[in-house]
Protein backbone atom coordinates (compact mmCIF):
# COMPACT_ATOMS: atom_id res chain seq x y z
CA MET A 1 31.71 -259.80 -119.98
CA LYS A 2 30.86 -261.41 -123.29
CA THR A 3 33.31 -260.45 -126.03
CA SER A 4 30.58 -259.08 -128.24
CA ASP A 5 29.47 -256.79 -125.38
CA LEU A 6 33.04 -255.72 -124.93
CA PHE A 7 33.34 -254.97 -128.64
CA VAL A 8 30.26 -252.74 -128.60
CA ARG A 9 31.64 -250.94 -125.47
CA ALA A 10 34.87 -250.33 -127.32
CA LEU A 11 33.07 -248.80 -130.24
CA GLU A 12 30.99 -246.58 -127.90
CA ASN A 13 34.25 -245.49 -126.31
CA GLU A 14 35.45 -244.32 -129.76
CA GLY A 15 32.35 -242.10 -130.12
CA VAL A 16 30.59 -244.26 -132.75
CA ASP A 17 27.03 -243.03 -133.45
CA TYR A 18 25.87 -245.24 -136.28
CA ILE A 19 26.73 -248.59 -137.81
CA TYR A 20 25.58 -249.07 -141.43
CA GLY A 21 25.16 -252.57 -142.84
CA ILE A 22 23.51 -255.96 -143.03
CA PRO A 23 24.07 -258.49 -140.24
CA GLY A 24 24.22 -262.23 -140.86
CA GLU A 25 23.99 -265.24 -138.55
CA GLU A 26 27.73 -264.91 -137.72
CA ASN A 27 26.99 -261.42 -136.29
CA LEU A 28 24.10 -262.41 -134.07
CA ASP A 29 25.96 -262.13 -130.74
CA PHE A 30 27.29 -258.73 -131.80
CA LEU A 31 23.76 -257.68 -132.97
CA ASN A 32 22.28 -258.72 -129.64
CA SER A 33 24.92 -256.71 -127.79
CA LEU A 34 24.20 -253.79 -130.01
CA LYS A 35 20.45 -253.91 -129.15
CA ASP A 36 20.93 -252.12 -125.87
CA SER A 37 23.69 -249.71 -127.06
CA LYS A 38 23.34 -246.06 -127.82
CA ILE A 39 24.83 -246.82 -131.23
CA GLU A 40 22.11 -246.86 -133.92
CA LEU A 41 22.09 -249.62 -136.48
CA ILE A 42 21.15 -248.37 -140.01
CA LEU A 43 20.04 -251.39 -141.92
CA THR A 44 20.85 -250.99 -145.64
CA ARG A 45 19.82 -253.05 -148.71
CA HIS A 46 23.37 -253.74 -149.88
CA GLU A 47 26.73 -253.94 -148.15
CA GLN A 48 28.43 -251.77 -150.80
CA ALA A 49 26.05 -248.95 -150.02
CA ALA A 50 26.71 -249.38 -146.29
CA GLY A 51 30.39 -249.02 -147.02
CA PHE A 52 29.87 -245.87 -149.04
CA MET A 53 27.78 -244.42 -146.22
CA ALA A 54 30.46 -245.19 -143.63
CA ALA A 55 33.18 -243.67 -145.80
CA THR A 56 31.14 -240.47 -146.31
CA TYR A 57 30.59 -240.29 -142.56
CA GLY A 58 34.37 -240.43 -142.21
CA ARG A 59 34.86 -237.83 -144.90
CA LEU A 60 32.47 -235.37 -143.25
CA THR A 61 33.36 -235.84 -139.58
CA GLY A 62 37.05 -236.92 -139.65
CA LYS A 63 36.07 -239.95 -137.48
CA PRO A 64 35.89 -243.39 -138.96
CA GLY A 65 32.48 -244.38 -140.15
CA VAL A 66 31.58 -247.95 -139.24
CA CYS A 67 29.82 -250.59 -141.31
CA LEU A 68 28.90 -254.20 -140.69
CA SER A 69 28.57 -257.34 -142.78
CA THR A 70 28.52 -261.05 -142.36
CA LEU A 71 31.17 -263.37 -143.76
CA GLY A 72 31.81 -264.44 -147.41
CA PRO A 73 29.56 -262.69 -149.91
CA GLY A 74 28.54 -259.97 -147.41
CA ALA A 75 32.14 -259.03 -146.72
CA THR A 76 33.25 -259.21 -150.34
CA ASN A 77 30.52 -256.65 -151.13
CA PHE A 78 32.64 -254.24 -149.06
CA VAL A 79 35.60 -254.35 -151.41
CA THR A 80 34.63 -251.43 -153.71
CA ALA A 81 33.71 -249.28 -150.71
CA ALA A 82 37.01 -250.11 -149.05
CA ALA A 83 38.85 -248.97 -152.14
CA TYR A 84 36.65 -245.84 -152.30
CA ALA A 85 37.61 -244.90 -148.74
CA GLN A 86 41.25 -245.88 -149.09
CA LEU A 87 41.93 -243.93 -152.26
CA GLY A 88 39.70 -241.01 -151.18
CA ALA A 89 41.44 -240.78 -147.73
CA MET A 90 38.16 -241.29 -145.87
CA PRO A 91 38.47 -242.93 -142.44
CA MET A 92 36.22 -246.02 -142.26
CA LEU A 93 36.17 -249.25 -140.32
CA MET A 94 34.43 -252.31 -141.71
CA LEU A 95 33.33 -255.05 -139.24
CA GLY A 96 32.87 -258.53 -140.54
CA GLY A 97 31.73 -261.84 -139.17
CA GLN A 98 33.27 -265.28 -139.62
CA LYS A 99 32.55 -268.92 -138.82
CA PRO A 100 34.01 -270.43 -135.61
CA ILE A 101 37.77 -270.60 -135.91
CA ARG A 102 38.36 -273.09 -133.07
CA LYS A 103 36.05 -275.80 -134.32
CA SER A 104 34.43 -275.99 -137.82
CA LYS A 105 30.82 -276.87 -137.99
CA GLN A 106 30.11 -276.44 -141.76
CA GLY A 107 33.44 -277.17 -143.49
CA ARG A 108 34.49 -274.41 -145.87
CA PHE A 109 30.94 -273.21 -146.61
CA GLN A 110 30.99 -269.42 -147.43
CA ILE A 111 34.49 -269.06 -145.98
CA VAL A 112 36.76 -266.60 -147.78
CA ASP A 113 40.01 -265.19 -146.36
CA VAL A 114 38.61 -261.68 -146.17
CA VAL A 115 41.37 -260.43 -143.88
CA ASN A 116 44.00 -261.02 -146.53
CA LEU A 117 41.63 -259.95 -149.35
CA MET A 118 41.34 -256.59 -147.65
CA LYS A 119 45.04 -255.96 -146.89
CA PRO A 120 46.02 -254.41 -150.21
CA ILE A 121 43.07 -251.91 -150.09
CA THR A 122 43.09 -251.00 -146.37
CA LYS A 123 45.48 -249.53 -143.79
CA TYR A 124 44.51 -252.22 -141.18
CA SER A 125 42.98 -255.69 -141.61
CA GLU A 126 42.94 -258.18 -138.78
CA GLN A 127 40.91 -261.06 -137.28
CA VAL A 128 40.12 -261.20 -133.59
CA VAL A 129 41.40 -264.54 -132.23
CA ASP A 130 41.06 -263.78 -128.53
CA GLY A 131 38.33 -261.76 -126.91
CA ASN A 132 40.91 -260.10 -124.58
CA ASN A 133 42.44 -258.47 -127.65
CA VAL A 134 39.32 -256.57 -128.64
CA PRO A 135 39.95 -253.26 -126.78
CA ALA A 136 43.45 -252.92 -128.21
CA MET A 137 42.43 -253.87 -131.71
CA VAL A 138 39.46 -251.53 -131.79
CA ARG A 139 41.60 -248.64 -130.47
CA GLU A 140 44.41 -249.37 -132.91
CA SER A 141 42.12 -249.71 -135.90
CA PHE A 142 40.60 -246.30 -135.16
CA ARG A 143 43.98 -244.69 -134.66
CA VAL A 144 45.37 -246.10 -137.92
CA CYS A 145 42.25 -245.23 -139.98
CA MET A 146 42.28 -241.63 -138.74
CA GLU A 147 46.01 -241.02 -139.01
CA GLU A 148 47.20 -239.11 -142.08
CA ARG A 149 46.72 -240.24 -144.79
CA PRO A 150 43.27 -241.52 -143.56
CA GLY A 151 41.75 -244.67 -145.03
CA ALA A 152 39.94 -247.89 -144.51
CA GLY A 153 40.23 -250.64 -141.95
CA TYR A 154 38.72 -254.17 -141.50
CA LEU A 155 38.19 -256.09 -138.27
CA GLU A 156 36.75 -259.55 -138.29
CA LEU A 157 35.00 -261.10 -135.25
CA PRO A 158 34.34 -264.87 -135.53
CA GLU A 159 31.20 -266.12 -133.92
CA ASP A 160 32.85 -268.34 -131.35
CA ILE A 161 35.10 -265.57 -130.21
CA ALA A 162 32.12 -263.23 -130.01
CA GLU A 163 30.30 -265.43 -127.58
CA GLU A 164 33.15 -266.21 -125.15
CA ASP A 165 33.85 -264.29 -121.99
CA SER A 166 36.56 -261.65 -121.63
CA GLY A 167 38.02 -259.84 -118.71
CA ALA A 168 39.76 -257.13 -120.75
CA THR A 169 39.18 -253.42 -120.06
CA ILE A 170 38.71 -250.51 -122.50
CA PHE A 171 41.62 -248.31 -123.56
CA ASP A 172 41.36 -244.52 -123.27
CA VAL A 173 41.17 -242.63 -126.54
CA VAL A 174 44.47 -240.70 -126.71
CA ASN A 175 44.69 -238.00 -129.33
CA HIS A 176 47.89 -236.33 -130.59
CA ARG A 177 48.93 -233.16 -132.24
CA ARG A 178 50.36 -233.29 -135.74
CA PRO A 179 53.99 -232.07 -135.89
CA ASP A 180 54.83 -228.69 -137.45
CA ALA A 181 57.08 -228.27 -140.46
CA ASN A 182 60.83 -227.57 -140.07
CA GLU A 183 61.70 -223.82 -139.85
CA LYS A 184 64.46 -223.99 -142.40
CA CYS A 185 62.19 -225.80 -144.83
CA LEU A 186 59.59 -222.98 -144.45
CA ASP A 187 62.28 -220.33 -144.98
CA GLN A 188 63.28 -222.11 -148.18
CA ALA A 189 59.67 -222.23 -149.38
CA ALA A 190 59.21 -218.53 -148.60
CA GLU A 191 62.32 -217.66 -150.58
CA MET A 192 61.10 -219.74 -153.57
CA ILE A 193 57.77 -217.94 -153.52
CA LYS A 194 59.22 -214.48 -153.24
CA ASN A 195 61.81 -215.14 -155.96
CA ALA A 196 59.31 -216.67 -158.44
CA LYS A 197 58.11 -214.49 -161.27
CA MET A 198 54.61 -216.08 -161.52
CA PRO A 199 53.70 -218.10 -158.45
CA LEU A 200 50.30 -219.84 -158.29
CA LEU A 201 48.52 -221.65 -155.40
CA LEU A 202 46.83 -225.02 -155.83
CA ILE A 203 44.48 -226.33 -153.14
CA GLY A 204 43.83 -230.11 -152.97
CA ALA A 205 41.76 -232.62 -151.05
CA GLY A 206 44.09 -232.75 -148.03
CA ALA A 207 43.31 -229.16 -147.23
CA ASN A 208 39.59 -230.02 -147.43
CA ARG A 209 39.93 -232.77 -144.87
CA LYS A 210 41.50 -230.68 -142.16
CA ARG A 211 39.48 -227.41 -142.39
CA SER A 212 42.39 -225.23 -143.48
CA SER A 213 40.03 -222.67 -144.97
CA GLN A 214 40.90 -219.63 -142.80
CA ALA A 215 44.71 -220.08 -143.01
CA LEU A 216 44.57 -220.40 -146.80
CA LYS A 217 42.24 -217.41 -147.17
CA GLU A 218 44.67 -215.28 -145.10
CA PHE A 219 47.58 -216.49 -147.23
CA ILE A 220 45.77 -215.54 -150.39
CA GLU A 221 44.63 -212.09 -149.14
CA LYS A 222 47.92 -211.13 -147.58
CA THR A 223 50.14 -212.27 -150.45
CA GLY A 224 47.80 -211.35 -153.29
CA ILE A 225 48.39 -214.75 -154.96
CA TYR A 226 45.93 -216.33 -157.37
CA PHE A 227 44.73 -219.80 -156.73
CA PHE A 228 42.88 -222.71 -158.25
CA ASN A 229 41.82 -226.11 -156.83
CA THR A 230 41.50 -229.77 -157.58
CA GLN A 231 38.05 -231.41 -157.80
CA MET A 232 38.29 -232.67 -154.21
CA GLY A 233 39.71 -229.34 -153.02
CA LYS A 234 36.60 -227.39 -154.09
CA GLY A 235 35.22 -224.94 -151.50
CA VAL A 236 38.20 -224.90 -149.09
CA VAL A 237 38.31 -221.17 -149.97
CA ASP A 238 35.07 -219.54 -151.13
CA GLU A 239 35.15 -219.72 -154.97
CA ARG A 240 33.56 -216.28 -155.24
CA HIS A 241 37.01 -214.92 -154.15
CA GLU A 242 38.46 -212.36 -156.63
CA ARG A 243 41.68 -214.40 -156.78
CA PHE A 244 40.10 -217.72 -157.68
CA ILE A 245 40.81 -218.81 -161.21
CA GLY A 246 38.90 -222.07 -161.38
CA THR A 247 38.89 -225.85 -160.83
CA ALA A 248 41.27 -228.20 -162.70
CA ALA A 249 38.60 -230.69 -163.67
CA LEU A 250 40.73 -232.02 -166.53
CA SER A 251 44.40 -233.01 -166.44
CA SER A 252 45.32 -230.68 -169.32
CA HIS A 253 44.01 -228.33 -172.05
CA ASP A 254 41.20 -226.70 -170.01
CA PHE A 255 41.02 -222.93 -170.13
CA LEU A 256 42.73 -222.39 -166.75
CA HIS A 257 45.70 -224.47 -167.85
CA CYS A 258 46.94 -221.29 -169.53
CA ALA A 259 47.72 -220.03 -166.05
CA ILE A 260 49.33 -223.33 -165.00
CA GLU A 261 51.61 -223.22 -168.04
CA LYS A 262 52.54 -219.56 -167.37
CA ALA A 263 53.33 -220.21 -163.75
CA ASP A 264 56.96 -220.79 -162.82
CA LEU A 265 56.11 -222.01 -159.31
CA ILE A 266 53.05 -223.89 -157.99
CA ILE A 267 52.45 -224.03 -154.21
CA ASN A 268 50.53 -227.31 -153.96
CA VAL A 269 48.68 -227.56 -150.71
CA GLY A 270 47.02 -230.83 -149.70
CA HIS A 271 47.48 -232.78 -152.91
CA ASP A 272 48.66 -236.25 -153.58
CA VAL A 273 48.94 -238.22 -156.77
CA ILE A 274 45.99 -240.53 -156.05
CA GLU A 275 43.66 -237.72 -157.07
CA LYS A 276 43.59 -237.34 -160.88
CA PRO A 277 46.46 -234.95 -161.66
CA PRO A 278 45.47 -231.29 -162.26
CA PHE A 279 48.67 -230.86 -164.23
CA PHE A 280 51.65 -232.94 -165.40
CA MET A 281 55.14 -231.96 -164.30
CA GLU A 282 58.03 -232.08 -166.75
CA LYS A 283 61.77 -232.02 -166.15
CA GLY A 284 63.05 -228.48 -166.34
CA GLY A 285 59.50 -227.11 -166.16
CA THR A 286 57.39 -225.41 -163.56
CA LYS A 287 58.70 -225.93 -159.99
CA VAL A 288 56.40 -227.20 -157.26
CA ILE A 289 56.36 -226.80 -153.48
CA HIS A 290 54.49 -229.66 -151.86
CA ILE A 291 52.75 -228.68 -148.57
CA ASN A 292 51.10 -231.61 -146.80
CA PHE A 293 51.07 -233.84 -143.75
CA PHE A 294 53.31 -236.22 -145.63
CA ALA A 295 56.00 -236.00 -148.31
CA ALA A 296 55.03 -236.33 -151.94
CA ARG A 297 55.10 -239.82 -153.42
CA THR A 298 57.29 -239.26 -156.43
CA ASP A 299 56.19 -240.55 -159.83
CA GLU A 300 56.60 -239.56 -163.44
CA VAL A 301 53.99 -236.83 -163.40
CA TYR A 302 54.67 -235.39 -159.92
CA PHE A 303 58.12 -234.78 -158.42
CA PRO A 304 58.12 -231.58 -156.29
CA GLN A 305 61.36 -229.66 -155.68
CA LEU A 306 60.48 -229.07 -152.03
CA ASN A 307 58.41 -230.93 -149.43
CA VAL A 308 57.01 -228.90 -146.56
CA VAL A 309 55.88 -231.67 -144.24
CA GLY A 310 53.72 -230.99 -141.18
CA ASP A 311 50.35 -229.71 -140.16
CA ILE A 312 48.87 -227.88 -143.23
CA CYS A 313 47.18 -225.10 -141.25
CA SER A 314 50.33 -224.31 -139.29
CA SER A 315 52.55 -224.43 -142.37
CA VAL A 316 50.30 -222.11 -144.37
CA GLY A 317 49.98 -219.69 -141.40
CA ARG A 318 53.73 -219.46 -140.90
CA LEU A 319 54.33 -219.06 -144.61
CA THR A 320 51.91 -216.15 -144.63
CA GLU A 321 54.10 -214.27 -142.08
CA LYS A 322 57.35 -215.10 -143.95
CA VAL A 323 56.13 -214.23 -147.41
CA GLY A 324 54.09 -211.09 -146.89
CA LYS A 325 52.71 -209.05 -149.80
CA LEU A 326 54.04 -210.24 -153.14
CA SER A 327 55.26 -207.58 -155.59
CA GLN A 328 55.18 -209.64 -158.78
CA ASP A 329 53.03 -208.58 -161.66
CA MET A 330 50.38 -211.28 -161.80
CA SER A 331 47.81 -209.46 -163.92
CA TYR A 332 48.01 -212.23 -166.52
CA PHE A 333 46.24 -214.53 -164.04
CA GLY A 334 43.48 -211.93 -163.80
CA ARG A 335 42.98 -212.10 -167.47
CA VAL A 336 42.85 -215.91 -167.35
CA LYS A 337 40.24 -215.65 -164.58
CA ALA A 338 38.04 -213.38 -166.70
CA HIS A 339 38.36 -215.79 -169.64
CA VAL A 340 37.53 -218.84 -167.53
CA ASP A 341 34.53 -217.11 -165.93
CA GLU A 342 33.22 -216.15 -169.40
CA ARG A 343 33.59 -219.63 -170.79
CA THR A 344 32.20 -221.53 -167.84
CA THR A 345 29.10 -219.37 -167.54
CA LYS A 346 28.27 -219.26 -171.21
CA TYR A 347 25.31 -221.65 -171.08
CA PHE A 348 24.07 -220.79 -167.58
CA GLU A 349 20.89 -219.20 -168.99
CA ASP A 350 20.26 -221.72 -171.81
CA ARG A 351 16.65 -222.90 -171.50
CA ARG A 352 16.62 -225.85 -173.89
CA PHE A 353 15.07 -229.14 -172.81
CA PRO A 354 16.36 -231.81 -172.35
CA ILE A 355 18.52 -229.74 -170.06
CA LEU A 356 22.23 -228.94 -170.46
CA PRO A 357 24.34 -229.95 -167.46
CA GLN A 358 25.75 -226.40 -167.41
CA ARG A 359 22.24 -225.06 -166.91
CA LEU A 360 21.50 -227.57 -164.20
CA VAL A 361 24.62 -226.38 -162.35
CA LYS A 362 23.34 -222.76 -162.43
CA ILE A 363 19.79 -223.75 -161.34
CA LEU A 364 21.08 -225.68 -158.31
CA ARG A 365 23.56 -222.98 -157.36
CA ASP A 366 20.76 -220.40 -157.41
CA GLN A 367 18.31 -222.49 -155.33
CA LEU A 368 20.83 -223.68 -152.68
CA ASP A 369 22.29 -221.75 -149.76
CA ASP A 370 26.08 -221.53 -149.10
CA GLU A 371 26.14 -224.51 -146.74
CA ASP A 372 23.76 -226.76 -148.60
CA ILE A 373 25.27 -229.87 -150.07
CA VAL A 374 25.33 -231.50 -153.54
CA THR A 375 26.65 -235.04 -153.85
CA LEU A 376 27.72 -236.50 -157.22
CA ASP A 377 27.82 -240.04 -158.49
CA ASN A 378 30.32 -240.59 -161.29
CA GLY A 379 29.62 -239.66 -164.92
CA VAL A 380 30.49 -236.93 -167.41
CA TYR A 381 28.29 -234.47 -165.51
CA LYS A 382 30.89 -234.54 -162.74
CA ILE A 383 33.27 -232.59 -164.96
CA TRP A 384 30.64 -229.89 -165.58
CA PHE A 385 29.99 -229.63 -161.85
CA ALA A 386 33.69 -229.52 -161.02
CA ARG A 387 34.32 -226.78 -163.58
CA ASN A 388 31.07 -224.75 -163.27
CA TYR A 389 29.59 -225.24 -159.81
CA GLN A 390 30.77 -222.45 -157.55
CA CYS A 391 31.40 -223.75 -154.03
CA HIS A 392 31.03 -221.23 -151.25
CA SER A 393 32.10 -223.56 -148.43
CA ASN A 394 34.19 -226.72 -147.96
CA ASN A 395 32.57 -230.18 -148.42
CA THR A 396 29.46 -228.71 -150.06
CA LEU A 397 30.15 -230.56 -153.36
CA LEU A 398 30.91 -234.19 -152.55
CA LEU A 399 32.51 -235.95 -155.48
CA ASP A 400 35.02 -238.69 -155.86
CA ASN A 401 38.10 -238.03 -157.94
CA ALA A 402 40.19 -240.85 -156.52
CA LEU A 403 38.51 -244.25 -157.12
CA ALA A 404 35.82 -242.42 -159.12
CA THR A 405 33.37 -245.33 -158.60
CA MET A 406 29.79 -245.31 -159.73
CA GLY A 407 27.07 -246.10 -157.20
CA ALA A 408 28.27 -243.89 -154.35
CA GLY A 409 26.28 -240.69 -154.99
CA LEU A 410 22.98 -241.68 -153.37
CA PRO A 411 24.50 -243.30 -150.22
CA SER A 412 26.73 -240.25 -149.78
CA ALA A 413 23.77 -237.95 -149.88
CA MET A 414 21.89 -240.04 -147.35
CA VAL A 415 24.72 -239.68 -144.78
CA ALA A 416 25.14 -235.97 -145.52
CA LYS A 417 21.48 -235.39 -144.81
CA GLN A 418 21.58 -237.66 -141.70
CA LEU A 419 24.53 -235.61 -140.30
CA TYR A 420 23.21 -232.19 -141.31
CA PRO A 421 19.39 -232.37 -141.19
CA ASP A 422 19.02 -228.56 -141.39
CA LYS A 423 20.87 -228.40 -144.73
CA LYS A 424 19.31 -229.09 -148.09
CA VAL A 425 20.97 -232.05 -149.75
CA VAL A 426 20.72 -232.83 -153.49
CA SER A 427 22.07 -236.08 -155.01
CA VAL A 428 22.88 -235.79 -158.71
CA ASN A 429 23.30 -239.18 -160.51
CA GLY A 430 23.50 -240.51 -163.94
CA ASP A 431 20.98 -243.17 -164.79
CA GLY A 432 23.73 -245.79 -164.91
CA GLY A 433 25.29 -244.93 -161.54
CA PHE A 434 21.93 -244.50 -159.85
CA MET A 435 20.82 -248.04 -160.75
CA MET A 436 23.87 -249.51 -159.11
CA ASN A 437 22.53 -248.66 -155.62
CA SER A 438 19.00 -247.56 -156.40
CA GLN A 439 17.65 -249.98 -153.83
CA GLU A 440 18.78 -247.58 -151.08
CA ILE A 441 15.82 -245.29 -151.89
CA GLU A 442 13.92 -247.65 -149.55
CA THR A 443 16.57 -247.07 -146.86
CA ALA A 444 16.35 -243.31 -147.31
CA VAL A 445 12.55 -243.44 -146.90
CA ARG A 446 12.82 -245.69 -143.86
CA MET A 447 15.37 -243.29 -142.30
CA GLY A 448 12.84 -240.42 -142.72
CA LEU A 449 15.21 -238.28 -144.77
CA ASP A 450 14.24 -235.15 -146.60
CA LEU A 451 16.28 -235.61 -149.79
CA VAL A 452 16.28 -234.64 -153.44
CA VAL A 453 17.63 -237.14 -155.94
CA ILE A 454 18.12 -236.06 -159.53
CA ILE A 455 18.66 -238.76 -162.17
CA LEU A 456 20.23 -237.40 -165.43
CA ASN A 457 18.52 -239.64 -167.96
CA ASP A 458 20.26 -240.28 -171.30
CA SER A 459 19.73 -244.09 -171.31
CA ALA A 460 23.46 -244.64 -171.76
CA TYR A 461 26.85 -244.64 -170.02
CA GLY A 462 27.46 -241.03 -171.06
CA MET A 463 30.99 -240.59 -169.78
CA ILE A 464 32.30 -243.51 -171.82
CA LYS A 465 30.26 -242.34 -174.88
CA TRP A 466 32.02 -238.94 -174.55
CA LYS A 467 35.42 -240.66 -174.45
CA GLN A 468 34.41 -242.91 -177.35
CA GLU A 469 33.52 -239.91 -179.51
CA GLY A 470 36.69 -238.14 -178.52
CA MET A 471 38.76 -241.09 -179.76
CA GLU A 472 36.76 -241.08 -183.03
CA PHE A 473 35.33 -244.53 -182.46
CA ASP A 474 31.85 -245.54 -183.60
CA ASN A 475 28.97 -245.25 -181.09
CA PHE A 476 28.75 -248.85 -179.85
CA GLY A 477 27.89 -250.92 -176.78
CA LEU A 478 26.91 -248.20 -174.31
CA ASP A 479 23.16 -247.65 -174.66
CA PHE A 480 20.54 -249.29 -172.36
CA GLY A 481 16.93 -249.09 -171.30
CA ASN A 482 15.62 -247.62 -168.04
CA PRO A 483 12.66 -248.39 -165.77
CA ASP A 484 9.94 -245.89 -165.22
CA PHE A 485 11.76 -243.95 -162.55
CA VAL A 486 8.63 -242.15 -161.25
CA LYS A 487 6.83 -245.50 -160.63
CA TYR A 488 10.05 -246.96 -159.27
CA ALA A 489 10.42 -244.16 -156.71
CA ASN A 490 6.72 -244.34 -155.72
CA SER A 491 6.95 -248.07 -155.16
CA PHE A 492 9.53 -247.37 -152.33
CA GLY A 493 7.41 -244.69 -150.75
CA ALA A 494 9.36 -241.83 -152.31
CA ILE A 495 7.82 -239.15 -154.51
CA GLY A 496 8.65 -239.40 -158.24
CA HIS A 497 8.63 -236.43 -160.64
CA ARG A 498 9.27 -236.18 -164.45
CA PRO A 499 9.39 -232.66 -165.75
CA ASP A 500 8.48 -232.01 -169.42
CA SER A 501 10.03 -228.60 -169.72
CA HIS A 502 12.79 -226.36 -168.30
CA ASP A 503 10.32 -224.27 -166.36
CA GLU A 504 8.53 -227.30 -164.93
CA PHE A 505 11.83 -228.70 -163.70
CA GLN A 506 12.64 -225.46 -161.84
CA SER A 507 9.19 -225.51 -160.26
CA ILE A 508 9.49 -229.20 -159.25
CA LEU A 509 12.99 -228.72 -157.82
CA LYS A 510 11.87 -225.70 -155.74
CA HIS A 511 8.91 -227.78 -154.42
CA ALA A 512 11.06 -230.83 -153.67
CA LEU A 513 13.70 -228.74 -151.81
CA ASN A 514 11.05 -227.38 -149.51
CA THR A 515 8.90 -230.41 -148.94
CA LYS A 516 9.32 -233.41 -146.63
CA GLY A 517 10.23 -236.78 -147.93
CA VAL A 518 12.51 -238.35 -150.53
CA HIS A 519 11.93 -236.77 -153.97
CA LEU A 520 13.26 -238.38 -157.15
CA ILE A 521 13.39 -236.29 -160.37
CA ASP A 522 13.75 -238.07 -163.65
CA LEU A 523 15.42 -235.32 -165.68
CA PRO A 524 16.23 -235.78 -169.42
CA VAL A 525 19.79 -234.43 -170.11
CA ASP A 526 21.36 -233.05 -173.26
CA TYR A 527 25.03 -234.08 -173.58
CA SER A 528 25.39 -232.89 -177.18
CA LEU A 529 27.95 -230.23 -176.32
CA ASN A 530 30.33 -232.56 -174.40
CA HIS A 531 32.54 -233.33 -177.30
CA SER A 532 32.48 -229.91 -178.98
CA ILE A 533 33.51 -228.15 -175.74
CA LEU A 534 35.53 -230.63 -173.70
CA ASN A 535 37.37 -232.26 -176.61
CA VAL A 536 37.54 -229.52 -179.21
CA LEU A 537 36.84 -225.93 -178.11
CA ILE A 538 39.12 -225.90 -174.99
CA LYS A 539 42.05 -226.89 -177.24
CA GLU A 540 41.32 -224.20 -179.78
CA SER A 541 40.48 -221.32 -177.49
CA ARG A 542 43.32 -221.29 -174.89
CA SER A 543 45.49 -218.41 -176.13
CA ILE A 544 45.14 -215.62 -173.62
CA GLY A 545 47.22 -212.53 -174.13
């Protein structure tokens, strides 16, 4: 069997459904082998977008998404997507091509040592030097990329190896159970919780990956504990819950940080320091129990007093039995919740136009069902969505709080819609981030997706302008011009819209959500309250009796 055929068979054996990417001449044997496979090739317009799509596939399914590029410039375009998957704990495998390794035919033309380039930002990066190694390397790359903490892998297939014959056979996929936490460690955690005066639960991204919702919900309801989440932990437990305080969208000074500062113990489930910290630990301050698949990586802002290492769902379930109903007076957290709810909903009914991001949050929440999905690119609006958008289910607000790269919002939405065609999917992007992968509108149209893309148009890099204002610097260097987004969308075969009023936007959104095709809405946004609320008000209004 030709090695390229064997490679495709090995990918099929791993359950691969799609490969996203752009082949080159070094991939032609592999491409020809893929032609008769049940794996579908999704041809994109840029390798970075293909990488973002593969990473999002991994995030939503728990299985590595797969993307493909040629050598040199194609493979280097994967770098940002590799970092996105690695920092965000999304299982992804990148496949690259390379010139012949046994006999050069073009000198060093286009040759970059991509394997070593990828090693610092992946869990696995190897070149195939013998076709007989393919089954083992594919199996190992999938195992490593899926294993906690999940991340990215890179596997390079040179063209001369791809065309040679191999007699190797495929390895069976062998799964394993994650180990449970030590009993004595759980007893110690239970005692710390019961002896604390003001315990508080924090839910992070790791709990979102492994569908720990039911175990955490039972822990909350049986103990009576209040909880909050990180940005990437949103929706693990329905945020309509009476014990939900809010999302830590900022590292400090937000309204809910009154509760964090009052707590003498935080039970931190599924968090690691790669996600932007929801609070900063101090020596002699609030104690922390770290519950995760792996021990905490200690640094100057996070050094838990106890690590409960093992399967999260099992650990939380056993803790629920050991802790039981808590008797502490936690009514203060209830007052914080009321204060947070009042503040975050203040502008929900504001009808000014250009639109406030807070109002956009409310409109989307009202028009979407519990399981519908919003994906975010990166910009200041992400903070408003993290704080104000109420998630009713896990992975229904896809944002990146790890690498926090621009350009990923649209590719993420495309994969979400591909995987869940019966759910409505809305991609919210700043005009800066949208233009970084806007060419994928053509890919979305070609894929036949029913998708709504909202561009928040302020003709600037709004996040950095907000930071600039907060540091009392002059407004400088962050404004740009935009194309006519309606014509731009129409040129790709999408449907462009530009509302002129608040009411027209609501009407257009409702129409777009219930109509076939890719709809792009050019929406003017009003960021005038960013500084006054996020830099000033939250520091002045945090005293809760």
